[in-house]
C-alpha atoms as a PDB file:
ATOM      1  CA  MET A   1      70.939  73.272 132.171  1.00  0.00           C
ATOM      2  CA  ASN A   2      70.397  75.326 134.844  1.00  0.00           C
ATOM      3  CA  GLY A   3      73.669  77.470 134.939  1.00  0.00           C
ATOM      4  CA  SER A   4      75.576  74.557 135.147  1.00  0.00           C
ATOM      5  CA  ASP A   5      78.847  73.350 133.176  1.00  0.00           C
ATOM      6  CA  PRO A   6      78.593  70.243 131.369  1.00  0.00           C
ATOM      7  CA  ALA A   7      82.304  69.597 131.781  1.00  0.00           C
ATOM      8  CA  ALA A   8      83.622  67.136 133.550  1.00  0.00           C
ATOM      9  CA  PRO A   9      85.021  69.065 137.030  1.00  0.00           C
ATOM     10  CA  GLY A  10      88.864  70.510 136.300  1.00  0.00           C
ATOM     11  CA  SER A  11      88.414  70.735 132.737  1.00  0.00           C
ATOM     12  CA  PRO A  12      88.535  73.887 130.775  1.00  0.00           C
ATOM     13  CA  PRO A  13      85.151  75.330 130.306  1.00  0.00           C
ATOM     14  CA  PRO A  14      83.778  75.570 126.918  1.00  0.00           C
ATOM     15  CA  VAL A  15      84.676  78.136 124.629  1.00  0.00           C
ATOM     16  CA  LEU A  16      82.237  79.979 122.112  1.00  0.00           C
ATOM     17  CA  SER A  17      83.435  81.781 118.962  1.00  0.00           C
ATOM     18  CA  PHE A  18      82.230  83.573 115.891  1.00  0.00           C
ATOM     19  CA  ARG A  19      85.528  83.616 114.010  1.00  0.00           C
ATOM     20  CA  HIS A  20      84.411  80.750 111.827  1.00  0.00           C
ATOM     21  CA  LEU A  21      81.190  83.000 110.964  1.00  0.00           C
ATOM     22  CA  LEU A  22      83.124  86.077 110.027  1.00  0.00           C
ATOM     23  CA  THR A  23      85.830  83.695 108.307  1.00  0.00           C
ATOM     24  CA  GLU A  24      82.901  82.505 106.288  1.00  0.00           C
ATOM     25  CA  ALA A  25      81.599  85.687 105.283  1.00  0.00           C
ATOM     26  CA  VAL A  26      85.168  87.183 104.417  1.00  0.00           C
ATOM     27  CA  GLY A  27      85.513  84.160 101.764  1.00  0.00           C
ATOM     28  CA  SER A  28      81.925  84.278 100.238  1.00  0.00           C
ATOM     29  CA  PHE A  29      83.018  88.019  99.974  1.00  0.00           C
ATOM     30  CA  LEU A  30      86.583  87.203  98.226  1.00  0.00           C
ATOM     31  CA  ASP A  31      84.089  84.887  96.212  1.00  0.00           C
ATOM     32  CA  GLU A  32      82.373  87.777  94.666  1.00  0.00           C
ATOM     33  CA  ALA A  33      85.069  89.828  93.829  1.00  0.00           C
ATOM     34  CA  ARG A  34      87.006  86.913  91.903  1.00  0.00           C
ATOM     35  CA  MET A  35      89.853  86.524  94.676  1.00  0.00           C
ATOM     36  CA  THR A  36      88.452  83.300  96.189  1.00  0.00           C
ATOM     37  CA  CYS A  37      90.863  81.611  98.484  1.00  0.00           C
ATOM     38  CA  PRO A  38      90.589  79.954 101.831  1.00  0.00           C
ATOM     39  CA  GLN A  39      94.043  81.316 102.980  1.00  0.00           C
ATOM     40  CA  THR A  40      93.735  84.944 102.245  1.00  0.00           C
ATOM     41  CA  ALA A  41      89.774  84.485 103.909  1.00  0.00           C
ATOM     42  CA  ASP A  42      91.574  83.515 107.043  1.00  0.00           C
ATOM     43  CA  SER A  43      94.145  86.237 106.991  1.00  0.00           C
ATOM     44  CA  ILE A  44      91.696  89.175 106.008  1.00  0.00           C
ATOM     45  CA  CYS A  45      89.745  87.956 109.162  1.00  0.00           C
ATOM     46  CA  GLU A  46      92.907  88.390 111.301  1.00  0.00           C
ATOM     47  CA  LEU A  47      93.261  92.189 109.843  1.00  0.00           C
ATOM     48  CA  ILE A  48      89.865  92.884 110.755  1.00  0.00           C
ATOM     49  CA  ILE A  49      89.627  91.544 114.266  1.00  0.00           C
ATOM     50  CA  THR A  50      93.231  93.335 114.910  1.00  0.00           C
ATOM     51  CA  LEU A  51      92.541  95.998 113.152  1.00  0.00           C
ATOM     52  CA  SER A  52      88.821  96.603 115.261  1.00  0.00           C
ATOM     53  CA  ARG A  53      90.835  98.858 117.994  1.00  0.00           C
ATOM     54  CA  TYR A  54      94.686  98.578 117.187  1.00  0.00           C
ATOM     55  CA  ARG A  55      97.171 100.270 119.365  1.00  0.00           C
ATOM     56  CA  GLU A  56     100.403 101.029 119.525  1.00  0.00           C
ATOM     57  CA  GLU A  57     102.171 101.700 122.991  1.00  0.00           C
ATOM     58  CA  GLY A  58      98.360 102.218 123.992  1.00  0.00           C
ATOM     59  CA  ALA A  59      97.912 104.980 121.092  1.00  0.00           C
ATOM     60  CA  PRO A  60      94.964 103.873 118.305  1.00  0.00           C
ATOM     61  CA  LEU A  61      96.747 103.387 114.989  1.00  0.00           C
ATOM     62  CA  PHE A  62      94.182 103.376 111.993  1.00  0.00           C
ATOM     63  CA  PRO A  63      95.768 102.231 108.971  1.00  0.00           C
ATOM     64  CA  MET A  64      94.108 101.498 105.265  1.00  0.00           C
ATOM     65  CA  ALA A  65      95.247  98.036 104.542  1.00  0.00           C
ATOM     66  CA  PHE A  66      94.892  96.428 101.151  1.00  0.00           C
ATOM     67  CA  VAL A  67      94.874  93.133  99.853  1.00  0.00           C
ATOM     68  CA  CYS A  68      96.152  92.616  96.091  1.00  0.00           C
ATOM     69  CA  ASP A  69      97.015  90.183  93.112  1.00  0.00           C
ATOM     70  CA  ASP A  70      98.931  92.936  91.312  1.00  0.00           C
ATOM     71  CA  LEU A  71     100.791  95.858  92.831  1.00  0.00           C
ATOM     72  CA  GLY A  72     101.429  98.002  89.942  1.00  0.00           C
ATOM     73  CA  GLN A  73      97.729  97.789  88.731  1.00  0.00           C
ATOM     74  CA  MET A  74      96.826  98.512  92.203  1.00  0.00           C
ATOM     75  CA  LEU A  75      98.960 101.559  92.569  1.00  0.00           C
ATOM     76  CA  ALA A  76      97.544 102.953  89.686  1.00  0.00           C
ATOM     77  CA  GLN A  77      94.260 102.615  90.835  1.00  0.00           C
ATOM     78  CA  LEU A  78      93.938 103.794  93.928  1.00  0.00           C
ATOM     79  CA  GLY A  79      96.863 107.078  93.381  1.00  0.00           C
ATOM     80  CA  GLY A  80      99.215 105.566  95.152  1.00  0.00           C
ATOM     81  CA  HIS A  81     103.356 105.892  94.453  1.00  0.00           C
ATOM     82  CA  ASP A  82     106.589 104.635  95.735  1.00  0.00           C
ATOM     83  CA  PRO A  83     106.223 101.089  97.145  1.00  0.00           C
ATOM     84  CA  ILE A  84     108.158 100.136  99.641  1.00  0.00           C
ATOM     85  CA  ALA A  85     108.561  96.436 100.292  1.00  0.00           C
ATOM     86  CA  ILE A  86     109.135  95.440 104.144  1.00  0.00           C
ATOM     87  CA  GLY A  87     108.908  91.435 103.832  1.00  0.00           C
ATOM     88  CA  ILE A  88     106.747  88.144 102.807  1.00  0.00           C
ATOM     89  CA  GLY A  89     105.534  85.344 104.020  1.00  0.00           C
ATOM     90  CA  PRO A  90     103.085  82.541 104.268  1.00  0.00           C
ATOM     91  CA  ARG A  91      99.462  83.645 103.333  1.00  0.00           C
ATOM     92  CA  SER A  92      98.592  83.442 107.308  1.00  0.00           C
ATOM     93  CA  ARG A  93      97.566  84.851 110.240  1.00  0.00           C
ATOM     94  CA  ALA A  94     101.248  85.111 111.294  1.00  0.00           C
ATOM     95  CA  THR A  95     102.348  87.160 108.303  1.00  0.00           C
ATOM     96  CA  VAL A  96      99.517  89.485 108.990  1.00  0.00           C
ATOM     97  CA  GLN A  97     100.197  90.371 112.535  1.00  0.00           C
ATOM     98  CA  ARG A  98     103.690  90.803 111.182  1.00  0.00           C
ATOM     99  CA  ALA A  99     102.844  92.796 108.492  1.00  0.00           C
ATOM    100  CA  LEU A 100     101.233  95.173 111.223  1.00  0.00           C
ATOM    101  CA  LYS A 101     103.455  95.323 113.314  1.00  0.00           C
ATOM    102  CA  GLN A 102     106.124  96.729 111.071  1.00  0.00           C
ATOM    103  CA  CYS A 103     104.363  98.403 108.943  1.00  0.00           C
ATOM    104  CA  ALA A 104     100.763 100.084 111.039  1.00  0.00           C
ATOM    105  CA  SER A 105     102.599 103.043 112.716  1.00  0.00           C
ATOM    106  CA  LEU A 106     103.738 104.200 109.116  1.00  0.00           C
ATOM    107  CA  GLY A 107     100.233 104.432 107.876  1.00  0.00           C
ATOM    108  CA  GLN A 108      99.148 107.361 110.297  1.00  0.00           C
ATOM    109  CA  GLY A 109      97.986 110.988 109.035  1.00  0.00           C
ATOM    110  CA  ARG A 110      97.278 109.330 104.866  1.00  0.00           C
ATOM    111  CA  TRP A 111     100.495 109.578 103.876  1.00  0.00           C
ATOM    112  CA  TRP A 112     101.040 105.845 103.905  1.00  0.00           C
ATOM    113  CA  ALA A 113      99.108 102.711 103.471  1.00  0.00           C
ATOM    114  CA  LEU A 114      99.972  99.190 104.014  1.00  0.00           C
ATOM    115  CA  TYR A 115     100.060  96.678 101.181  1.00  0.00           C
ATOM    116  CA  LEU A 116      99.263  92.534 101.190  1.00  0.00           C
ATOM    117  CA  LEU A 117     100.219  91.117  97.930  1.00  0.00           C
ATOM    118  CA  ARG A 118      99.871  87.846  97.108  1.00  0.00           C
ATOM    119  CA  VAL A 119     102.295  85.963  95.682  1.00  0.00           C
ATOM    120  CA  PRO A 120     103.473  82.070  95.640  1.00  0.00           C
ATOM    121  CA  GLU A 121     104.959  82.347  98.639  1.00  0.00           C
ATOM    122  CA  GLY A 122     102.378  84.086 100.312  1.00  0.00           C
ATOM    123  CA  PHE A 123     102.103  87.796 101.079  1.00  0.00           C
ATOM    124  CA  ALA A 124     104.662  90.046 100.048  1.00  0.00           C
ATOM    125  CA  TYR A 125     103.901  92.959 102.369  1.00  0.00           C
ATOM    126  CA  GLY A 126     105.177  96.744 102.144  1.00  0.00           C
ATOM    127  CA  VAL A 127     103.801 100.331 102.110  1.00  0.00           C
ATOM    128  CA  PHE A 128     102.792 102.641  99.797  1.00  0.00           C
ATOM    129  CA  ARG A 129     103.073 106.373  99.445  1.00  0.00           C
ATOM    130  CA  THR A 130      99.280 108.065  99.534  1.00  0.00           C
ATOM    131  CA  ASP A 131      98.568 111.702  99.023  1.00  0.00           C
ATOM    132  CA  PRO A 132      96.999 113.281 102.414  1.00  0.00           C
ATOM    133  CA  PHE A 133      95.511 116.474 100.688  1.00  0.00           C
ATOM    134  CA  PRO A 134      92.050 117.473 102.124  1.00  0.00           C
ATOM    135  CA  LEU A 135      91.238 117.513  98.497  1.00  0.00           C
ATOM    136  CA  ALA A 136      92.567 114.408  97.449  1.00  0.00           C
ATOM    137  CA  GLU A 137      90.315 111.497  97.373  1.00  0.00           C
ATOM    138  CA  THR A 138      91.695 108.897  99.657  1.00  0.00           C
ATOM    139  CA  PRO A 139      92.480 105.313  97.744  1.00  0.00           C
ATOM    140  CA  LEU A 140      89.306 103.885 100.081  1.00  0.00           C
ATOM    141  CA  GLU A 141      86.990 106.436  98.096  1.00  0.00           C
ATOM    142  CA  ARG A 142      89.332 105.773  94.460  1.00  0.00           C
ATOM    143  CA  LEU A 143      88.131 101.829  95.574  1.00  0.00           C
ATOM    144  CA  ARG A 144      84.749 103.067  96.072  1.00  0.00           C
ATOM    145  CA  ARG A 145      83.808 104.258  93.038  1.00  0.00           C
ATOM    146  CA  ALA A 146      86.080 101.634  90.988  1.00  0.00           C
ATOM    147  CA  ASP A 147      83.841  99.930  88.660  1.00  0.00           C
ATOM    148  CA  GLU A 148      83.388  96.330  87.939  1.00  0.00           C
ATOM    149  CA  GLY A 149      85.764  95.838  85.496  1.00  0.00           C
ATOM    150  CA  SER A 150      88.316  96.442  87.975  1.00  0.00           C
ATOM    151  CA  THR A 151      89.073  93.644  90.359  1.00  0.00           C
ATOM    152  CA  GLY A 152      92.503  91.825  92.477  1.00  0.00           C
ATOM    153  CA  VAL A 153      91.758  94.417  95.054  1.00  0.00           C
ATOM    154  CA  VAL A 154      89.916  94.513  98.739  1.00  0.00           C
ATOM    155  CA  GLY A 155      90.208  97.170 100.918  1.00  0.00           C
ATOM    156  CA  VAL A 156      89.965  97.267 105.043  1.00  0.00           C
ATOM    157  CA  LEU A 157      89.537 100.085 107.355  1.00  0.00           C
ATOM    158  CA  GLN A 158      88.833 100.586 110.578  1.00  0.00           C
ATOM    159  CA  LEU A 159      85.709 103.451 110.900  1.00  0.00           C
ATOM    160  CA  ALA A 160      85.424 103.256 114.560  1.00  0.00           C
ATOM    161  CA  ASP A 161      85.434 101.431 117.748  1.00  0.00           C
ATOM    162  CA  ASN A 162      84.673  97.788 116.446  1.00  0.00           C
ATOM    163  CA  ILE A 163      83.770  98.908 113.150  1.00  0.00           C
ATOM    164  CA  LEU A 164      85.078  98.317 109.842  1.00  0.00           C
ATOM    165  CA  GLU A 165      84.803  98.474 106.300  1.00  0.00           C
ATOM    166  CA  LEU A 166      85.360  95.813 103.528  1.00  0.00           C
ATOM    167  CA  ARG A 167      85.713  97.253 100.018  1.00  0.00           C
ATOM    168  CA  ALA A 168      86.143  95.346  96.529  1.00  0.00           C
ATOM    169  CA  CYS A 169      85.516  96.956  93.317  1.00  0.00           C
ATOM    170  CA  GLY A 170      82.451  97.728  91.982  1.00  0.00           C
ATOM    171  CA  GLY A 171      80.664  99.053  94.889  1.00  0.00           C
ATOM    172  CA  LEU A 172      81.278  95.573  96.503  1.00  0.00           C
ATOM    173  CA  CYS A 173      81.198  96.255 100.305  1.00  0.00           C
ATOM    174  CA  ARG A 174      80.248  94.786 103.891  1.00  0.00           C
ATOM    175  CA  HIS A 175      80.411  96.844 107.286  1.00  0.00           C
ATOM    176  CA  VAL A 176      81.617  94.379 109.821  1.00  0.00           C
ATOM    177  CA  TYR A 177      80.578  95.173 113.638  1.00  0.00           C
ATOM    178  CA  LEU A 178      82.842  93.377 116.258  1.00  0.00           C
ATOM    179  CA  SER A 179      82.416  93.293 120.223  1.00  0.00           C
ATOM    180  CA  GLY A 180      78.379  94.327 120.181  1.00  0.00           C
ATOM    181  CA  ALA A 181      78.795  97.512 118.574  1.00  0.00           C
ATOM    182  CA  ARG A 182      75.390  98.168 117.436  1.00  0.00           C
ATOM    183  CA  VAL A 183      74.158  97.566 114.085  1.00  0.00           C
ATOM    184  CA  GLU A 184      70.756  99.997 114.076  1.00  0.00           C
ATOM    185  CA  SER A 185      72.739 102.944 114.615  1.00  0.00           C
ATOM    186  CA  ALA A 186      73.896 104.633 111.127  1.00  0.00           C
ATOM    187  CA  SER A 187      77.600 103.883 109.866  1.00  0.00           C
ATOM    188  CA  PRO A 188      80.484 106.333 110.519  1.00  0.00           C
ATOM    189  CA  PRO A 189      80.038 107.370 106.837  1.00  0.00           C
ATOM    190  CA  GLU A 190      77.012 107.993 106.986  1.00  0.00           C
ATOM    191  CA  VAL A 191      76.483 110.461 109.831  1.00  0.00           C
ATOM    192  CA  LEU A 192      79.771 112.074 108.465  1.00  0.00           C
ATOM    193  CA  ASP A 193      78.069 112.664 104.607  1.00  0.00           C
ATOM    194  CA  GLU A 194      75.065 114.499 106.816  1.00  0.00           C
ATOM    195  CA  LEU A 195      77.202 116.398 108.605  1.00  0.00           C
ATOM    196  CA  ALA A 196      79.272 117.804 104.912  1.00  0.00           C
ATOM    197  CA  GLU A 197      76.230 118.085 103.203  1.00  0.00           C
ATOM    198  CA  ALA A 198      74.777 119.496 106.102  1.00  0.00           C
ATOM    199  CA  VAL A 199      77.739 122.003 106.469  1.00  0.00           C
ATOM    200  CA  THR A 200      77.488 123.071 102.595  1.00  0.00           C
ATOM    201  CA  ASP A 201      73.911 123.245 101.478  1.00  0.00           C
ATOM    202  CA  GLY A 202      74.400 126.513 100.796  1.00  0.00           C
ATOM    203  CA  VAL A 203      77.301 126.446  98.499  1.00  0.00           C
ATOM    204  CA  ALA A 204      77.257 126.999  95.266  1.00  0.00           C
ATOM    205  CA  THR A 205      76.544 124.325  92.473  1.00  0.00           C
ATOM    206  CA  THR A 206      79.875 124.538  91.304  1.00  0.00           C
ATOM    207  CA  SER A 207      81.688 124.444  94.546  1.00  0.00           C
ATOM    208  CA  ARG A 208      79.673 122.179  96.819  1.00  0.00           C
ATOM    209  CA  GLU A 209      81.122 118.791  95.707  1.00  0.00           C
ATOM    210  CA  ARG A 210      84.950 119.865  96.529  1.00  0.00           C
ATOM    211  CA  ALA A 211      83.666 121.825  99.739  1.00  0.00           C
ATOM    212  CA  ARG A 212      81.749 118.478 101.037  1.00  0.00           C
ATOM    213  CA  GLY A 213      85.142 116.030 100.239  1.00  0.00           C
ATOM    214  CA  PHE A 214      86.897 118.243 102.160  1.00  0.00           C
ATOM    215  CA  PHE A 215      84.560 118.444 105.071  1.00  0.00           C
ATOM    216  CA  ARG A 216      84.374 115.009 104.295  1.00  0.00           C
ATOM    217  CA  ARG A 217      87.585 113.693 104.938  1.00  0.00           C
ATOM    218  CA  VAL A 218      88.775 116.219 108.010  1.00  0.00           C
ATOM    219  CA  LEU A 219      85.654 115.292 109.768  1.00  0.00           C
ATOM    220  CA  PHE A 220      87.042 112.085 109.169  1.00  0.00           C
ATOM    221  CA  GLU A 221      90.139 112.177 110.507  1.00  0.00           C
ATOM    222  CA  VAL A 222      88.670 114.185 113.532  1.00  0.00           C
ATOM    223  CA  MET A 223      86.101 110.511 114.219  1.00  0.00           C
ATOM    224  CA  GLN A 224      89.227 108.358 114.251  1.00  0.00           C
ATOM    225  CA  GLY A 225      90.178 110.587 117.585  1.00  0.00           C
ATOM    226  CA  SER A 226      89.940 109.521 121.145  1.00  0.00           C
ATOM    227  CA  HIS A 227      88.173 112.708 122.157  1.00  0.00           C
ATOM    228  CA  GLY A 228      84.793 113.171 122.062  1.00  0.00           C
ATOM    229  CA  THR A 229      83.208 116.150 119.466  1.00  0.00           C
ATOM    230  CA  LEU A 230      80.469 118.241 119.873  1.00  0.00           C
ATOM    231  CA  VAL A 231      79.643 119.866 115.997  1.00  0.00           C
ATOM    232  CA  ALA A 232      76.955 122.558 115.404  1.00  0.00           C
ATOM    233  CA  VAL A 233      75.724 124.397 111.914  1.00  0.00           C
ATOM    234  CA  LEU A 234      74.252 127.426 111.971  1.00  0.00           C
ATOM    235  CA  PRO A 235      71.791 128.867 108.785  1.00  0.00           C
ATOM    236  CA  ARG A 236      73.884 130.582 106.252  1.00  0.00           C
ATOM    237  CA  GLU A 237      74.591 134.300 107.244  1.00  0.00           C
ATOM    238  CA  ARG A 238      74.061 133.587 110.876  1.00  0.00           C
ATOM    239  CA  ALA A 239      76.947 135.064 112.699  1.00  0.00           C
ATOM    240  CA  GLY A 240      76.225 133.316 116.020  1.00  0.00           C
ATOM    241  CA  SER A 241      73.076 131.831 118.297  1.00  0.00           C
ATOM    242  CA  MET A 242      71.319 132.834 121.317  1.00  0.00           C
ATOM    243  CA  LEU A 243      72.149 129.523 122.201  1.00  0.00           C
ATOM    244  CA  PHE A 244      76.046 130.118 122.979  1.00  0.00           C
ATOM    245  CA  VAL A 245      76.973 131.931 126.351  1.00  0.00           C
ATOM    246  CA  ASP A 246      80.366 131.093 126.607  1.00  0.00           C
ATOM    247  CA  GLY A 247      83.121 130.387 123.872  1.00  0.00           C
ATOM    248  CA  ILE A 248      85.103 131.611 120.935  1.00  0.00           C
ATOM    249  CA  ILE A 249      83.593 132.842 117.889  1.00  0.00           C
ATOM    250  CA  LEU A 250      85.781 134.504 115.297  1.00  0.00           C
ATOM    251  CA  PRO A 251      85.641 138.033 114.461  1.00  0.00           C
ATOM    252  CA  ARG A 252      85.379 137.233 111.030  1.00  0.00           C
ATOM    253  CA  PRO A 253      83.734 133.604 109.926  1.00  0.00           C
ATOM    254  CA  LEU A 254      86.159 131.711 108.199  1.00  0.00           C
ATOM    255  CA  ASP A 255      85.061 131.331 103.959  1.00  0.00           C
ATOM    256  CA  VAL A 256      86.764 127.939 103.831  1.00  0.00           C
ATOM    257  CA  VAL A 257      84.678 127.351 100.155  1.00  0.00           C
ATOM    258  CA  ALA A 258      86.544 130.744  99.098  1.00  0.00           C
ATOM    259  CA  LEU A 259      90.087 129.204 100.424  1.00  0.00           C
ATOM    260  CA  LEU A 260      88.908 126.022  98.183  1.00  0.00           C
ATOM    261  CA  ASP A 261      88.082 127.931  95.407  1.00  0.00           C
ATOM    262  CA  ARG A 262      90.805 130.077  95.684  1.00  0.00           C
ATOM    263  CA  TYR A 263      93.236 126.800  95.034  1.00  0.00           C
ATOM    264  CA  HIS A 264      90.990 125.153  92.389  1.00  0.00           C
ATOM    265  CA  ALA A 265      91.385 128.473  90.437  1.00  0.00           C
ATOM    266  CA  ASP A 266      95.158 128.637  91.007  1.00  0.00           C
ATOM    267  CA  PRO A 267      96.846 125.882  92.188  1.00  0.00           C
ATOM    268  CA  THR A 268      99.687 127.456  93.185  1.00  0.00           C
ATOM    269  CA  ASP A 269     102.244 125.634  96.232  1.00  0.00           C
ATOM    270  CA  ALA A 270     100.703 129.191  98.603  1.00  0.00           C
ATOM    271  CA  ALA A 271      96.675 127.531  97.970  1.00  0.00           C
ATOM    272  CA  ALA A 272      97.692 124.676  98.793  1.00  0.00           C
ATOM    273  CA  THR A 273      99.236 125.540 101.982  1.00  0.00           C
ATOM    274  CA  ALA A 274      96.292 127.869 103.065  1.00  0.00           C
ATOM    275  CA  VAL A 275      94.111 124.735 102.616  1.00  0.00           C
ATOM    276  CA  ARG A 276      96.157 122.185 104.360  1.00  0.00           C
ATOM    277  CA  ALA A 277      96.523 124.797 107.208  1.00  0.00           C
ATOM    278  CA  THR A 278      92.569 125.366 107.155  1.00  0.00           C
ATOM    279  CA  ALA A 279      92.182 121.593 107.589  1.00  0.00           C
ATOM    280  CA  GLN A 280      94.665 121.097 110.635  1.00  0.00           C
ATOM    281  CA  LEU A 281      92.722 124.560 112.118  1.00  0.00           C
ATOM    282  CA  LEU A 282      89.410 122.505 111.928  1.00  0.00           C
ATOM    283  CA  ARG A 283      91.176 119.443 113.270  1.00  0.00           C
ATOM    284  CA  GLY A 284      92.280 121.402 116.513  1.00  0.00           C
ATOM    285  CA  MET A 285      89.055 123.438 116.776  1.00  0.00           C
ATOM    286  CA  MET A 286      87.395 119.995 117.009  1.00  0.00           C
ATOM    287  CA  ALA A 287      89.382 118.554 119.017  1.00  0.00           C
ATOM    288  CA  THR A 288      88.877 121.395 121.889  1.00  0.00           C
ATOM    289  CA  ASP A 289      86.224 121.398 125.096  1.00  0.00           C
ATOM    290  CA  GLY A 290      83.046 122.379 123.942  1.00  0.00           C
ATOM    291  CA  ILE A 291      81.300 123.316 120.693  1.00  0.00           C
ATOM    292  CA  THR A 292      82.967 123.881 117.065  1.00  0.00           C
ATOM    293  CA  VAL A 293      80.166 125.872 115.167  1.00  0.00           C
ATOM    294  CA  LEU A 294      79.701 125.558 111.477  1.00  0.00           C
ATOM    295  CA  ARG A 295      77.393 127.342 108.718  1.00  0.00           C
ATOM    296  CA  ALA A 296      75.631 126.015 105.850  1.00  0.00           C
ATOM    297  CA  ASP A 297      77.743 128.457 103.763  1.00  0.00           C
ATOM    298  CA  GLY A 298      81.036 126.047 104.560  1.00  0.00           C
ATOM    299  CA  CYS A 299      82.317 129.011 106.859  1.00  0.00           C
ATOM    300  CA  ILE A 300      83.878 128.328 110.518  1.00  0.00           C
ATOM    301  CA  VAL A 301      81.990 130.609 112.830  1.00  0.00           C
ATOM    302  CA  GLY A 302      83.828 129.980 116.545  1.00  0.00           C
ATOM    303  CA  TYR A 303      84.905 126.637 118.926  1.00  0.00           C
ATOM    304  CA  ASN A 304      85.018 125.953 122.465  1.00  0.00           C
ATOM    305  CA  ILE A 305      81.742 127.324 122.389  1.00  0.00           C
ATOM    306  CA  PHE A 306      79.338 126.515 125.483  1.00  0.00           C
ATOM    307  CA  VAL A 307      75.691 126.720 126.078  1.00  0.00           C
ATOM    308  CA  ARG A 308      73.045 126.721 128.959  1.00  0.00           C
ATOM    309  CA  HIS A 309      71.318 123.795 129.583  1.00  0.00           C
ATOM    310  CA  PRO A 310      68.002 124.032 130.453  1.00  0.00           C
ATOM    311  CA  GLU A 311      66.606 123.268 133.904  1.00  0.00           C
ATOM    312  CA  THR A 312      64.627 120.169 132.693  1.00  0.00           C
ATOM    313  CA  LEU A 313      67.883 118.755 131.835  1.00  0.00           C
ATOM    314  CA  THR A 314      70.205 119.786 134.246  1.00  0.00           C
ATOM    315  CA  SER A 315      67.225 118.736 137.381  1.00  0.00           C
ATOM    316  CA  GLN A 316      66.459 114.864 135.349  1.00  0.00           C
ATOM    317  CA  PRO A 317      69.451 113.410 133.950  1.00  0.00           C
ATOM    318  CA  SER A 318      68.740 110.545 134.581  1.00  0.00           C
ATOM    319  CA  MET A 319      66.608 110.519 131.360  1.00  0.00           C
ATOM    320  CA  LEU A 320      69.760 111.152 129.227  1.00  0.00           C
ATOM    321  CA  VAL A 321      72.213 107.801 128.614  1.00  0.00           C
ATOM    322  CA  GLY A 322      75.904 109.894 129.152  1.00  0.00           C
ATOM    323  CA  GLY A 323      76.798 112.487 130.458  1.00  0.00           C
ATOM    324  CA  ALA A 324      77.256 116.916 129.757  1.00  0.00           C
ATOM    325  CA  ARG A 325      78.382 115.977 126.444  1.00  0.00           C
ATOM    326  CA  ARG A 326      75.097 114.246 125.397  1.00  0.00           C
ATOM    327  CA  ARG A 327      73.036 116.248 127.204  1.00  0.00           C
ATOM    328  CA  THR A 328      74.237 119.479 125.337  1.00  0.00           C
ATOM    329  CA  PHE A 329      73.849 117.430 122.066  1.00  0.00           C
ATOM    330  CA  GLU A 330      70.260 117.084 122.677  1.00  0.00           C
ATOM    331  CA  VAL A 331      70.182 120.797 123.433  1.00  0.00           C
ATOM    332  CA  LEU A 332      71.525 121.400 120.489  1.00  0.00           C
ATOM    333  CA  CYS A 333      69.126 118.820 118.753  1.00  0.00           C
ATOM    334  CA  GLN A 334      66.178 121.186 120.148  1.00  0.00           C
ATOM    335  CA  ALA A 335      67.236 124.032 118.702  1.00  0.00           C
ATOM    336  CA  LEU A 336      66.913 122.528 114.921  1.00  0.00           C
ATOM    337  CA  GLY A 337      64.518 124.160 112.682  1.00  0.00           C
ATOM    338  CA  THR A 338      64.719 127.420 114.710  1.00  0.00           C
ATOM    339  CA  GLU A 339      68.575 128.240 115.547  1.00  0.00           C
ATOM    340  CA  LEU A 340      70.286 125.323 114.114  1.00  0.00           C
ATOM    341  CA  THR A 341      70.224 123.004 110.951  1.00  0.00           C
ATOM    342  CA  ALA A 342      72.443 120.090 112.149  1.00  0.00           C
ATOM    343  CA  ALA A 343      74.392 119.204 115.135  1.00  0.00           C
ATOM    344  CA  LEU A 344      76.756 116.101 116.000  1.00  0.00           C
ATOM    345  CA  ILE A 345      78.228 114.247 118.446  1.00  0.00           C
ATOM    346  CA  ARG A 346      81.158 112.240 118.743  1.00  0.00           C
ATOM    347  CA  SER A 347      81.180 109.993 122.031  1.00  0.00           C
ATOM    348  CA  GLN A 348      84.256 109.347 123.415  1.00  0.00           C
ATOM    349  CA  ASP A 349      82.973 105.799 123.100  1.00  0.00           C
ATOM    350  CA  GLY A 350      83.246 106.000 119.612  1.00  0.00           C
ATOM    351  CA  ASP A 351      79.499 106.471 119.090  1.00  0.00           C
ATOM    352  CA  VAL A 352      78.291 109.129 116.564  1.00  0.00           C
ATOM    353  CA  SER A 353      74.868 110.263 115.585  1.00  0.00           C
ATOM    354  CA  CYS A 354      73.911 113.560 113.272  1.00  0.00           C
ATOM    355  CA  ARG A 355      70.430 115.228 113.347  1.00  0.00           C
ATOM    356  CA  ARG A 356      69.614 117.289 111.037  1.00  0.00           C
ATOM    357  CA  ALA A 357      66.391 119.980 110.345  1.00  0.00           C
END
């Protein structure tokens, strides 16, 4: 039609919407999860779309949300405690919006999660307490490993801008990409698993899974921030690299695995505080400019690190998509297999990538 508007002059232009496709896909997902309900499908579709870039007062929020049929059973399954009822409403988009408005800001820092309980009147909603300890599984992690015999729970979590995970029991999962998010890229959980594996590759087998979970959870919280991040992983027993020209190298690498092992052997309040403090320290390091340097034996080596860019990169920046952070990432990637074992970038627009030797 040569770009012409087929509508009559003065009439509203045609509207293109993919919402019905998403609602149909969610409906099929609920059928597989044995939670069939058209109103629930439409409500979860609203939950997905709203959470895709959720903001309150301009600040991004990343609440975990769960739809369930039995609150007590769900709490036992997800490790939740102390539910607080907030409101009730029909099984509709409006109730989902109201529940998020009233509860989303309570669900930050992994302390509380939102629930929507299906009742005859519609949805009874509120929050329940979770365990934010870095060695404790998150409710969504527990749902990921729930067997097929468990039913009646669906979880929704924003993984990155416009990328969400829709999860039920028995390994049933969909990653939902909205607003042009690139489906050819690895999902954020896959990228973080790669980095967590690289950071713990040299850790003793008895401690490796514990250390891997710690790094995975801390890194995921960092990825939800608005700040770009670069991470370089050294081979074990290395204290630095010729790549680094400026920044802060710790006088003695911080042995995270030793702290985790100490807590595992004797879970005192002091040992738990050391684990929490180390998690917060790593979050703070990764929020600074420059590169955070980790090591394949689970040690933190340095932060706020900068590298010298080869002339080929500085003189031909147009060959790379992105700015200084992306060019630095390419420098790190060129050193894989020699100076480094892995490198990660989280750009300010939310894209994440990890490369390993």
